[in-house]
Amino acid sequence: MNLLTITKKKKLLYNIISIFKMKIKNYIFIIFLLLSACFSTTPTLTSSTGNVADIYNPGSTTIHPKYEIYHENDSVSLLYIYLYTPELGFINFGNSKKQQAKIKISYKIMESFQNSYLIDTATKMINIKRDKNKLSFVTYIRLKPNKLDNYVLQIFIKDMNKERSNLEFIYVDKKDENSPQNYLITYPNDFNPIFNDYINSKEKYLIKYNKTIDSLYITKYNLDTNLSPPPFSTRAYKPVFEKDTLFKIKFSDNSNFDYSKQGIYFIQTDKTQKKGKAIINFGDEYPLIQSSTKMFEPLKYLTTSEEFAEMQKQPNKKIVVDNFWLSTTDNLNLAKEMIRIYYSRVFYSNLLFSSYQEGWKSDRGMAYIIFGPPQYLYIGDNYEKWVYQDNKADYFRLVFRKKEHQFSENNYVLERDQKFKKYWTEAVEYWREGKIY
């Protein structure tokens, strides 16, 4: 290999890794930059009773709001909404010199996915003035009281200036007084929700609870670092959580705690109960993939156990990552494109599928990275069906069952089967041959 080729490869890797070394606060904008070329850009969204694959396709829209439910008391529930303002369309209205974004927020309350009869619906229009010093806008809606203890909330947000929209579904649990939705984790400077169940050591957080109590119990558990087995594996996998420390803190309206160490922090008002609120420190770069070590780990999906073990012995993971991707193709530009798409899927899996483990390590994250977003997505009360179809009319379906877990409301387990070996092998071979599956 000549010196020029070596220099090109080094430059390639430097440029690739630098893509991911960005601040977490900008990650919503990064979604669009990284993925806009990877997915369909159609804004069409369908109802809850049909194909809703666009909710896992970030290229289907240019707006990516986030949501948080908090039951303020037994009768009032608040839907908090986060909007990343650089994604919004700002124009001048009338004689005003200040530009504004016009956003339509609609929600529907359904008893369940199986029974999609509308219990209630409401719409709210908001105008947001452009402020170059602010990258986000947070608002909330008081959900109308209803007699249901549990229901599905369908939220539709439309940017009226850009004619772009976003659809999302949230399960609402008002029945269990230990439900995570009875807690709200906020930033101390503005008291806005964090909108994620993952945190980092550089921030401070406040804990809010909707009932009068004296104390909170916070149990720290070590992270489960295992990876999901392939979809054809029959090996039963059960996560193991080692209890680290138990803390008891006096509760007040501004209760705070030190979450600087990596791990799962499980917050409860009664430690004899199973449920509570879990917030997780996966590390300060999460959900981004910034370091060469973090870029190395997802290669396990594309390698054999022997290959990965051998690669793991190499001290310089930057070179390992570089050599792996360049071994798939002699075309440097294609190698760069493959890396961009592969690690964009890893990143987006962290945003969508985080639970008690990093999103890319989950069953849905595994499928999302290797196969891509599903072409057809059907959601039920306790399952998701992902359908993939190729140009030859051959298709396969993955079914993920929602499993109750004390640390997460976002835990879905794949129904594994030997028949998936064919599709998994084909997809991995595509990646290994320099093709994007």
Protein backbone atom coordinates (compact mmCIF):
# COMPACT_ATOMS: atom_id res chain seq x y z
CA MET A 1 0.00 0.00 0.00
CA ASN A 2 1.56 3.34 -1.02
CA LEU A 3 1.95 6.38 1.20
CA LEU A 4 -0.76 8.33 -0.63
CA THR A 5 -3.36 5.63 0.05
CA ILE A 6 -2.43 5.49 3.73
CA THR A 7 -2.72 9.28 3.99
CA LYS A 8 -6.15 9.23 2.35
CA LYS A 9 -7.37 6.57 4.76
CA LYS A 10 -6.15 8.50 7.78
CA LYS A 11 -7.84 11.64 6.52
CA LEU A 12 -11.04 9.69 5.84
CA LEU A 13 -11.24 8.34 9.37
CA TYR A 14 -10.50 11.75 10.87
CA ASN A 15 -13.34 13.30 8.89
CA ILE A 16 -15.73 10.46 9.75
CA ILE A 17 -15.14 10.48 13.49
CA SER A 18 -15.32 14.28 13.61
CA ILE A 19 -18.90 14.10 12.34
CA PHE A 20 -19.97 12.53 15.64
CA LYS A 21 -17.90 14.75 17.95
CA MET A 22 -20.62 17.33 18.45
CA LYS A 23 -22.40 18.61 21.55
CA ILE A 24 -25.41 16.65 22.75
CA LYS A 25 -27.59 19.78 22.93
CA ASN A 26 -27.53 19.94 19.11
CA TYR A 27 -28.48 16.32 18.46
CA ILE A 28 -31.99 16.95 17.16
CA PHE A 29 -30.55 19.12 14.38
CA ILE A 30 -27.90 16.45 13.72
CA ILE A 31 -30.66 13.93 12.98
CA PHE A 32 -31.72 15.90 9.94
CA LEU A 33 -28.18 16.62 8.76
CA LEU A 34 -27.04 13.00 9.07
CA LEU A 35 -30.15 11.22 7.91
CA SER A 36 -31.80 13.46 5.32
CA ALA A 37 -29.96 11.63 2.55
CA CYS A 38 -30.59 8.19 4.05
CA PHE A 39 -34.37 7.99 4.08
CA SER A 40 -37.43 8.89 2.11
CA THR A 41 -38.50 12.52 2.52
CA THR A 42 -42.24 12.04 2.10
CA PRO A 43 -44.19 13.84 4.86
CA THR A 44 -47.20 11.53 4.61
CA LEU A 45 -48.41 10.18 7.95
CA THR A 46 -51.06 7.56 8.54
CA SER A 47 -53.49 6.84 11.34
CA SER A 48 -52.91 4.56 14.32
CA THR A 49 -54.91 1.76 12.68
CA GLY A 50 -52.63 1.53 9.63
CA ASN A 51 -49.00 1.76 8.64
CA VAL A 52 -47.19 4.31 10.83
CA ALA A 53 -43.63 3.58 9.67
CA ASP A 54 -42.89 7.30 9.40
CA ILE A 55 -42.57 7.62 13.17
CA TYR A 56 -39.29 5.68 12.90
CA ASN A 57 -38.20 7.47 9.76
CA PRO A 58 -36.52 10.77 10.68
CA GLY A 59 -36.36 11.77 7.03
CA SER A 60 -40.16 11.76 6.77
CA THR A 61 -40.28 15.23 8.32
CA THR A 62 -37.97 18.08 9.27
CA ILE A 63 -39.46 18.56 12.73
CA HIS A 64 -38.71 16.21 15.62
CA PRO A 65 -40.57 17.24 18.78
CA LYS A 66 -40.21 15.47 22.11
CA TYR A 67 -42.86 14.84 24.75
CA GLU A 68 -43.26 14.20 28.45
CA ILE A 69 -46.39 13.29 30.43
CA TYR A 70 -46.77 14.38 34.03
CA HIS A 71 -49.84 13.76 36.19
CA GLU A 72 -49.99 16.95 38.23
CA ASN A 73 -52.69 15.47 40.43
CA ASP A 74 -55.46 12.86 40.24
CA SER A 75 -57.48 14.87 37.73
CA VAL A 76 -54.96 16.98 35.79
CA SER A 77 -52.36 15.60 33.38
CA LEU A 78 -49.88 17.80 31.55
CA LEU A 79 -48.44 17.07 28.12
CA TYR A 80 -45.10 18.88 27.82
CA ILE A 81 -43.83 19.54 24.30
CA TYR A 82 -40.30 20.38 23.19
CA LEU A 83 -39.56 21.93 19.78
CA TYR A 84 -36.11 22.52 18.32
CA THR A 85 -36.54 26.00 16.82
CA PRO A 86 -33.91 25.77 14.01
CA GLU A 87 -36.18 23.10 12.48
CA LEU A 88 -39.19 25.45 12.36
CA GLY A 89 -40.25 27.77 9.55
CA PHE A 90 -40.18 31.44 10.54
CA ILE A 91 -41.82 34.13 8.37
CA ASN A 92 -43.00 37.72 8.76
CA PHE A 93 -46.69 38.16 9.57
CA GLY A 94 -48.34 41.35 8.35
CA ASN A 95 -46.37 44.49 9.14
CA SER A 96 -44.42 42.83 11.94
CA LYS A 97 -40.65 42.90 11.51
CA LYS A 98 -40.24 39.92 13.82
CA GLN A 99 -40.49 36.51 12.27
CA GLN A 100 -42.79 33.91 13.78
CA ALA A 101 -43.38 30.20 13.46
CA LYS A 102 -46.98 29.00 13.47
CA ILE A 103 -47.47 25.56 15.02
CA LYS A 104 -50.63 23.46 15.20
CA ILE A 105 -50.79 20.88 18.00
CA SER A 106 -53.57 18.29 17.95
CA TYR A 107 -54.15 15.31 20.16
CA LYS A 108 -56.59 12.43 20.26
CA ILE A 109 -57.37 10.21 23.23
CA MET A 110 -58.10 6.57 22.37
CA GLU A 111 -58.95 3.79 24.76
CA SER A 112 -56.37 1.54 23.08
CA PHE A 113 -54.94 0.65 19.69
CA GLN A 114 -57.37 -2.25 19.44
CA ASN A 115 -60.25 0.06 20.33
CA SER A 116 -59.38 3.30 18.53
CA TYR A 117 -62.73 4.93 19.26
CA LEU A 118 -62.05 8.60 20.03
CA ILE A 119 -62.67 9.54 23.65
CA ASP A 120 -61.63 13.14 23.18
CA THR A 121 -59.71 15.42 20.85
CA ALA A 122 -58.35 18.98 21.04
CA THR A 123 -56.25 21.42 19.00
CA LYS A 124 -54.01 24.28 20.04
CA MET A 125 -52.36 26.91 17.85
CA ILE A 126 -49.18 28.60 19.04
CA ASN A 127 -47.00 31.34 17.57
CA ILE A 128 -43.29 31.31 18.37
CA LYS A 129 -41.23 34.48 17.89
CA ARG A 130 -37.76 33.97 16.50
CA ASP A 131 -35.07 34.37 19.14
CA LYS A 132 -31.52 33.73 17.90
CA ASN A 133 -30.39 33.18 21.49
CA LYS A 134 -32.76 30.26 22.01
CA LEU A 135 -32.60 26.91 20.25
CA SER A 136 -35.67 25.41 21.87
CA PHE A 137 -39.26 26.17 22.76
CA VAL A 138 -41.15 24.34 25.50
CA THR A 139 -44.87 24.49 26.12
CA TYR A 140 -47.53 22.29 27.67
CA ILE A 141 -51.17 21.34 27.26
CA ARG A 142 -53.58 20.36 30.00
CA LEU A 143 -55.20 17.16 28.86
CA LYS A 144 -58.92 17.07 29.30
CA PRO A 145 -60.00 14.90 32.23
CA ASN A 146 -61.64 11.61 31.32
CA LYS A 147 -62.72 8.47 33.15
CA LEU A 148 -60.01 6.25 31.67
CA ASP A 149 -57.18 5.11 33.92
CA ASN A 150 -55.06 4.06 30.95
CA TYR A 151 -55.27 5.26 27.38
CA VAL A 152 -53.32 5.99 24.19
CA LEU A 153 -52.53 9.58 23.30
CA GLN A 154 -52.01 10.32 19.61
CA ILE A 155 -50.20 13.64 19.06
CA PHE A 156 -49.98 15.39 15.70
CA ILE A 157 -47.85 18.52 15.29
CA LYS A 158 -47.80 20.56 12.10
CA ASP A 159 -45.53 23.44 11.13
CA MET A 160 -48.02 25.60 9.24
CA ASN A 161 -45.29 27.66 7.54
CA LYS A 162 -43.29 24.69 6.27
CA GLU A 163 -46.22 22.31 5.76
CA ARG A 164 -44.32 19.62 7.66
CA SER A 165 -45.76 17.40 10.37
CA ASN A 166 -44.95 14.81 12.98
CA LEU A 167 -46.99 11.99 14.51
CA GLU A 168 -46.37 10.30 17.86
CA PHE A 169 -48.11 7.91 20.28
CA ILE A 170 -47.79 7.89 24.06
CA TYR A 171 -49.19 5.42 26.57
CA VAL A 172 -50.77 7.21 29.52
CA ASP A 173 -50.99 5.45 32.89
CA LYS A 174 -53.06 7.16 35.58
CA LYS A 175 -54.03 4.03 37.47
CA ASP A 176 -50.77 3.12 39.18
CA GLU A 177 -49.69 5.66 41.81
CA ASN A 178 -46.12 4.39 41.33
CA SER A 179 -46.19 5.10 37.59
CA PRO A 180 -43.15 6.97 36.22
CA GLN A 181 -45.57 9.59 34.92
CA ASN A 182 -46.17 10.73 38.52
CA TYR A 183 -42.57 11.98 38.57
CA LEU A 184 -41.06 14.87 36.63
CA ILE A 185 -37.31 15.38 36.29
CA THR A 186 -36.49 19.01 35.45
CA TYR A 187 -33.58 21.37 34.95
CA PRO A 188 -33.11 23.75 37.91
CA ASN A 189 -32.66 26.91 35.81
CA ASP A 190 -36.00 26.88 33.99
CA PHE A 191 -37.86 23.90 35.56
CA ASN A 192 -38.48 22.42 32.10
CA PRO A 193 -38.58 18.61 31.81
CA ILE A 194 -35.49 16.80 30.57
CA PHE A 195 -37.63 14.97 27.93
CA ASN A 196 -35.37 11.90 28.16
CA ASP A 197 -34.80 9.07 30.59
CA TYR A 198 -31.04 9.41 30.09
CA ILE A 199 -28.88 12.08 31.69
CA ASN A 200 -25.24 13.15 31.93
CA SER A 201 -22.91 14.13 34.73
CA LYS A 202 -22.52 17.75 33.61
CA GLU A 203 -26.11 18.73 34.44
CA LYS A 204 -28.05 19.19 37.67
CA TYR A 205 -31.59 17.89 37.98
CA LEU A 206 -34.59 18.40 40.23
CA ILE A 207 -37.15 15.73 41.14
CA LYS A 208 -40.83 16.56 41.26
CA TYR A 209 -43.54 14.24 42.56
CA ASN A 210 -47.30 14.80 42.46
CA LYS A 211 -48.15 13.85 46.03
CA THR A 212 -47.08 14.99 49.49
CA ILE A 213 -44.28 12.79 50.81
CA ASP A 214 -41.40 13.08 53.26
CA SER A 215 -38.65 11.11 51.57
CA LEU A 216 -37.45 9.65 48.30
CA TYR A 217 -35.50 6.43 47.89
CA ILE A 218 -32.92 6.32 45.10
CA THR A 219 -31.25 3.02 44.29
CA LYS A 220 -28.25 3.02 41.98
CA TYR A 221 -27.69 -0.06 39.81
CA ASN A 222 -24.76 -0.87 37.57
CA LEU A 223 -25.49 -0.83 33.83
CA ASP A 224 -26.22 -4.02 31.93
CA THR A 225 -23.64 -4.01 29.11
CA ASN A 226 -24.82 -7.07 27.18
CA LEU A 227 -25.81 -6.91 23.54
CA SER A 228 -28.99 -8.32 22.00
CA PRO A 229 -28.39 -11.69 20.27
CA PRO A 230 -29.26 -12.02 16.56
CA PRO A 231 -32.95 -12.45 15.62
CA PHE A 232 -32.44 -16.14 14.83
CA SER A 233 -30.80 -16.95 18.17
CA THR A 234 -32.67 -19.25 20.53
CA ARG A 235 -30.47 -18.26 23.45
CA ALA A 236 -32.56 -16.83 26.26
CA TYR A 237 -31.23 -13.49 27.43
CA LYS A 238 -31.99 -12.03 30.83
CA PRO A 239 -30.38 -8.75 31.88
CA VAL A 240 -28.54 -8.70 35.18
CA PHE A 241 -28.55 -5.57 37.35
CA GLU A 242 -26.15 -5.33 40.25
CA LYS A 243 -27.35 -3.09 43.06
CA ASP A 244 -24.71 -0.52 43.91
CA THR A 245 -26.04 1.92 46.52
CA LEU A 246 -29.31 2.92 48.21
CA PHE A 247 -29.88 6.57 49.11
CA LYS A 248 -32.64 8.19 51.11
CA ILE A 249 -33.15 11.91 50.61
CA LYS A 250 -35.56 14.36 52.14
CA PHE A 251 -38.18 15.38 49.62
CA SER A 252 -39.09 18.98 48.80
CA ASP A 253 -40.16 20.92 45.72
CA ASN A 254 -36.50 21.35 44.79
CA SER A 255 -35.14 17.93 45.68
CA ASN A 256 -31.93 17.24 43.78
CA PHE A 257 -29.35 14.49 43.68
CA ASP A 258 -25.90 13.73 42.29
CA TYR A 259 -26.19 11.56 39.16
CA SER A 260 -22.60 12.02 38.01
CA LYS A 261 -21.63 8.33 37.99
CA GLN A 262 -22.74 6.04 35.18
CA GLY A 263 -25.58 3.71 36.15
CA ILE A 264 -29.34 3.38 36.60
CA TYR A 265 -30.89 5.61 39.26
CA PHE A 266 -34.25 4.19 40.33
CA ILE A 267 -36.42 6.71 42.18
CA GLN A 268 -39.25 5.53 44.44
CA THR A 269 -41.45 6.80 47.21
CA ASP A 270 -41.85 3.27 48.57
CA LYS A 271 -38.97 0.86 48.04
CA THR A 272 -41.25 -2.13 48.72
CA GLN A 273 -43.09 -1.42 45.45
CA LYS A 274 -41.88 -2.53 42.03
CA LYS A 275 -42.49 0.62 40.00
CA GLY A 276 -40.85 4.02 40.12
CA LYS A 277 -38.96 6.43 37.88
CA ALA A 278 -35.63 5.38 36.37
CA ILE A 279 -33.13 7.83 34.90
CA ILE A 280 -29.91 6.52 33.44
CA ASN A 281 -26.41 7.89 33.00
CA PHE A 282 -24.96 6.07 29.98
CA GLY A 283 -22.03 8.49 29.77
CA ASP A 284 -21.72 12.12 28.79
CA GLU A 285 -21.52 11.59 25.03
CA TYR A 286 -24.76 9.57 24.88
CA PRO A 287 -26.79 9.45 22.64
CA LEU A 288 -24.06 10.57 20.24
CA ILE A 289 -21.27 8.33 19.04
CA GLN A 290 -18.22 10.51 19.59
CA SER A 291 -15.24 8.34 20.48
CA SER A 292 -13.54 5.67 18.38
CA THR A 293 -14.27 3.21 21.21
CA LYS A 294 -18.00 3.89 20.90
CA MET A 295 -17.75 3.52 17.12
CA PHE A 296 -16.01 0.18 17.55
CA GLU A 297 -18.65 -1.50 19.74
CA PRO A 298 -21.52 -1.62 17.16
CA LEU A 299 -19.25 -3.51 14.76
CA LYS A 300 -20.15 -6.61 16.76
CA TYR A 301 -23.34 -6.86 14.71
CA LEU A 302 -21.27 -7.17 11.51
CA THR A 303 -18.53 -9.53 12.68
CA THR A 304 -18.18 -13.06 13.94
CA SER A 305 -17.36 -13.67 17.59
CA GLU A 306 -13.82 -14.64 16.62
CA GLU A 307 -13.31 -11.54 14.47
CA PHE A 308 -14.63 -9.21 17.13
CA ALA A 309 -12.49 -10.83 19.85
CA GLU A 310 -9.39 -10.38 17.70
CA MET A 311 -10.28 -6.76 16.93
CA GLN A 312 -10.91 -6.15 20.60
CA LYS A 313 -7.30 -7.05 21.39
CA GLN A 314 -6.02 -4.16 19.28
CA PRO A 315 -5.22 -1.12 21.46
CA ASN A 316 -5.97 1.56 18.85
CA LYS A 317 -9.71 1.32 18.15
CA LYS A 318 -9.50 4.24 15.74
CA ILE A 319 -7.36 2.17 13.39
CA VAL A 320 -9.58 -0.89 13.92
CA VAL A 321 -12.71 1.03 12.87
CA ASP A 322 -10.89 2.54 9.90
CA ASN A 323 -9.55 -0.77 8.66
CA PHE A 324 -12.90 -2.55 9.03
CA TRP A 325 -14.85 -0.11 6.91
CA LEU A 326 -12.13 0.31 4.31
CA SER A 327 -11.97 -3.47 3.97
CA THR A 328 -15.57 -3.49 2.72
CA THR A 329 -14.80 -1.37 -0.36
CA ASP A 330 -11.93 0.19 -2.27
CA ASN A 331 -14.01 3.32 -2.81
CA LEU A 332 -13.16 5.85 -0.11
CA ASN A 333 -16.28 7.94 -0.72
CA LEU A 334 -18.52 4.88 -0.46
CA ALA A 335 -16.80 3.81 2.76
CA LYS A 336 -17.45 7.24 4.21
CA GLU A 337 -21.11 7.07 3.17
CA MET A 338 -21.51 3.62 4.70
CA ILE A 339 -20.08 4.83 8.00
CA ARG A 340 -22.31 7.88 7.98
CA ILE A 341 -25.45 5.80 7.52
CA TYR A 342 -24.47 2.95 9.86
CA TYR A 343 -23.62 5.21 12.80
CA SER A 344 -26.58 7.46 12.09
CA ARG A 345 -28.75 4.40 12.64
CA VAL A 346 -26.86 3.67 15.87
CA PHE A 347 -27.41 7.24 17.00
CA TYR A 348 -31.09 7.30 16.09
CA SER A 349 -31.61 3.94 17.81
CA ASN A 350 -30.34 5.59 20.99
CA LEU A 351 -32.96 8.32 20.61
CA LEU A 352 -35.85 5.98 19.87
CA PHE A 353 -35.22 2.75 21.74
CA SER A 354 -33.34 3.61 24.95
CA SER A 355 -34.62 1.59 27.88
CA TYR A 356 -32.59 0.01 30.69
CA GLN A 357 -29.86 -0.36 28.06
CA GLU A 358 -28.50 1.85 25.31
CA GLY A 359 -30.95 1.99 22.44
CA TRP A 360 -28.57 0.48 19.88
CA LYS A 361 -28.09 -2.58 22.10
CA SER A 362 -31.83 -3.31 22.31
CA ASP A 363 -33.73 -5.71 20.07
CA ARG A 364 -35.36 -2.93 18.10
CA GLY A 365 -32.06 -1.05 17.87
CA MET A 366 -30.33 -4.15 16.51
CA ALA A 367 -32.97 -4.56 13.79
CA TYR A 368 -33.00 -0.86 12.98
CA ILE A 369 -29.23 -0.72 12.49
CA ILE A 370 -28.88 -3.81 10.31
CA PHE A 371 -32.15 -3.73 8.33
CA GLY A 372 -32.93 -0.02 8.49
CA PRO A 373 -36.28 1.54 9.44
CA PRO A 374 -39.22 -0.77 8.64
CA GLN A 375 -41.23 -0.11 5.49
CA TYR A 376 -44.40 -1.01 7.36
CA LEU A 377 -45.01 -0.50 11.08
CA TYR A 378 -48.14 -1.61 12.91
CA ILE A 379 -48.56 -0.81 16.59
CA GLY A 380 -50.78 -2.55 19.10
CA ASP A 381 -51.29 -2.15 22.83
CA ASN A 382 -48.39 -4.46 23.68
CA TYR A 383 -46.57 -5.10 20.43
CA GLU A 384 -44.96 -3.62 17.31
CA LYS A 385 -44.87 -5.39 13.94
CA TRP A 386 -42.08 -4.37 11.57
CA VAL A 387 -42.35 -5.47 7.93
CA TYR A 388 -39.53 -5.41 5.38
CA GLN A 389 -40.07 -6.11 1.70
CA ASP A 390 -37.58 -6.24 -1.19
CA ASN A 391 -38.09 -5.61 -4.89
CA LYS A 392 -38.74 -9.32 -5.50
CA ALA A 393 -41.87 -9.24 -3.32
CA ASP A 394 -40.12 -11.32 -0.67
CA TYR A 395 -40.83 -10.02 2.82
CA PHE A 396 -40.31 -10.84 6.45
CA ARG A 397 -41.94 -9.61 9.62
CA LEU A 398 -40.42 -8.92 13.04
CA VAL A 399 -42.70 -8.85 16.07
CA PHE A 400 -41.58 -7.05 19.22
CA ARG A 401 -43.57 -7.68 22.40
CA LYS A 402 -43.72 -5.06 25.11
CA LYS A 403 -42.42 -6.53 28.37
CA GLU A 404 -43.03 -4.91 31.72
CA HIS A 405 -39.81 -3.76 33.33
CA GLN A 406 -39.33 -1.67 36.45
CA PHE A 407 -36.64 0.46 34.80
CA SER A 408 -38.36 1.23 31.51
CA GLU A 409 -41.69 1.72 29.77
CA ASN A 410 -39.88 1.29 26.44
CA ASN A 411 -38.83 -2.35 26.73
CA TYR A 412 -39.72 -4.48 23.69
CA VAL A 413 -38.45 -8.02 23.12
CA LEU A 414 -38.18 -9.66 19.70
CA GLU A 415 -39.93 -12.95 19.01
CA ARG A 416 -36.88 -14.81 17.71
CA ASP A 417 -36.99 -17.57 15.12
CA GLN A 418 -34.48 -19.61 13.12
CA LYS A 419 -36.16 -18.48 9.90
CA PHE A 420 -34.64 -15.01 10.36
CA LYS A 421 -31.12 -16.37 9.85
CA LYS A 422 -31.51 -16.07 6.08
CA TYR A 423 -32.40 -12.38 6.21
CA TRP A 424 -29.83 -11.54 8.87
CA THR A 425 -27.02 -13.26 6.98
CA GLU A 426 -28.01 -11.53 3.76
CA ALA A 427 -28.09 -8.10 5.40
CA VAL A 428 -24.73 -8.56 7.12
CA GLU A 429 -23.17 -9.75 3.86
CA TYR A 430 -24.47 -6.62 2.16
CA TRP A 431 -22.68 -4.44 4.68
CA ARG A 432 -19.52 -6.55 4.48
CA GLU A 433 -19.53 -6.22 0.66
CA GLY A 434 -19.71 -2.44 0.73
CA LYS A 435 -23.46 -2.22 0.17
CA ILE A 436 -26.01 -0.39 2.32
CA TYR A 437 -28.91 -2.61 3.35
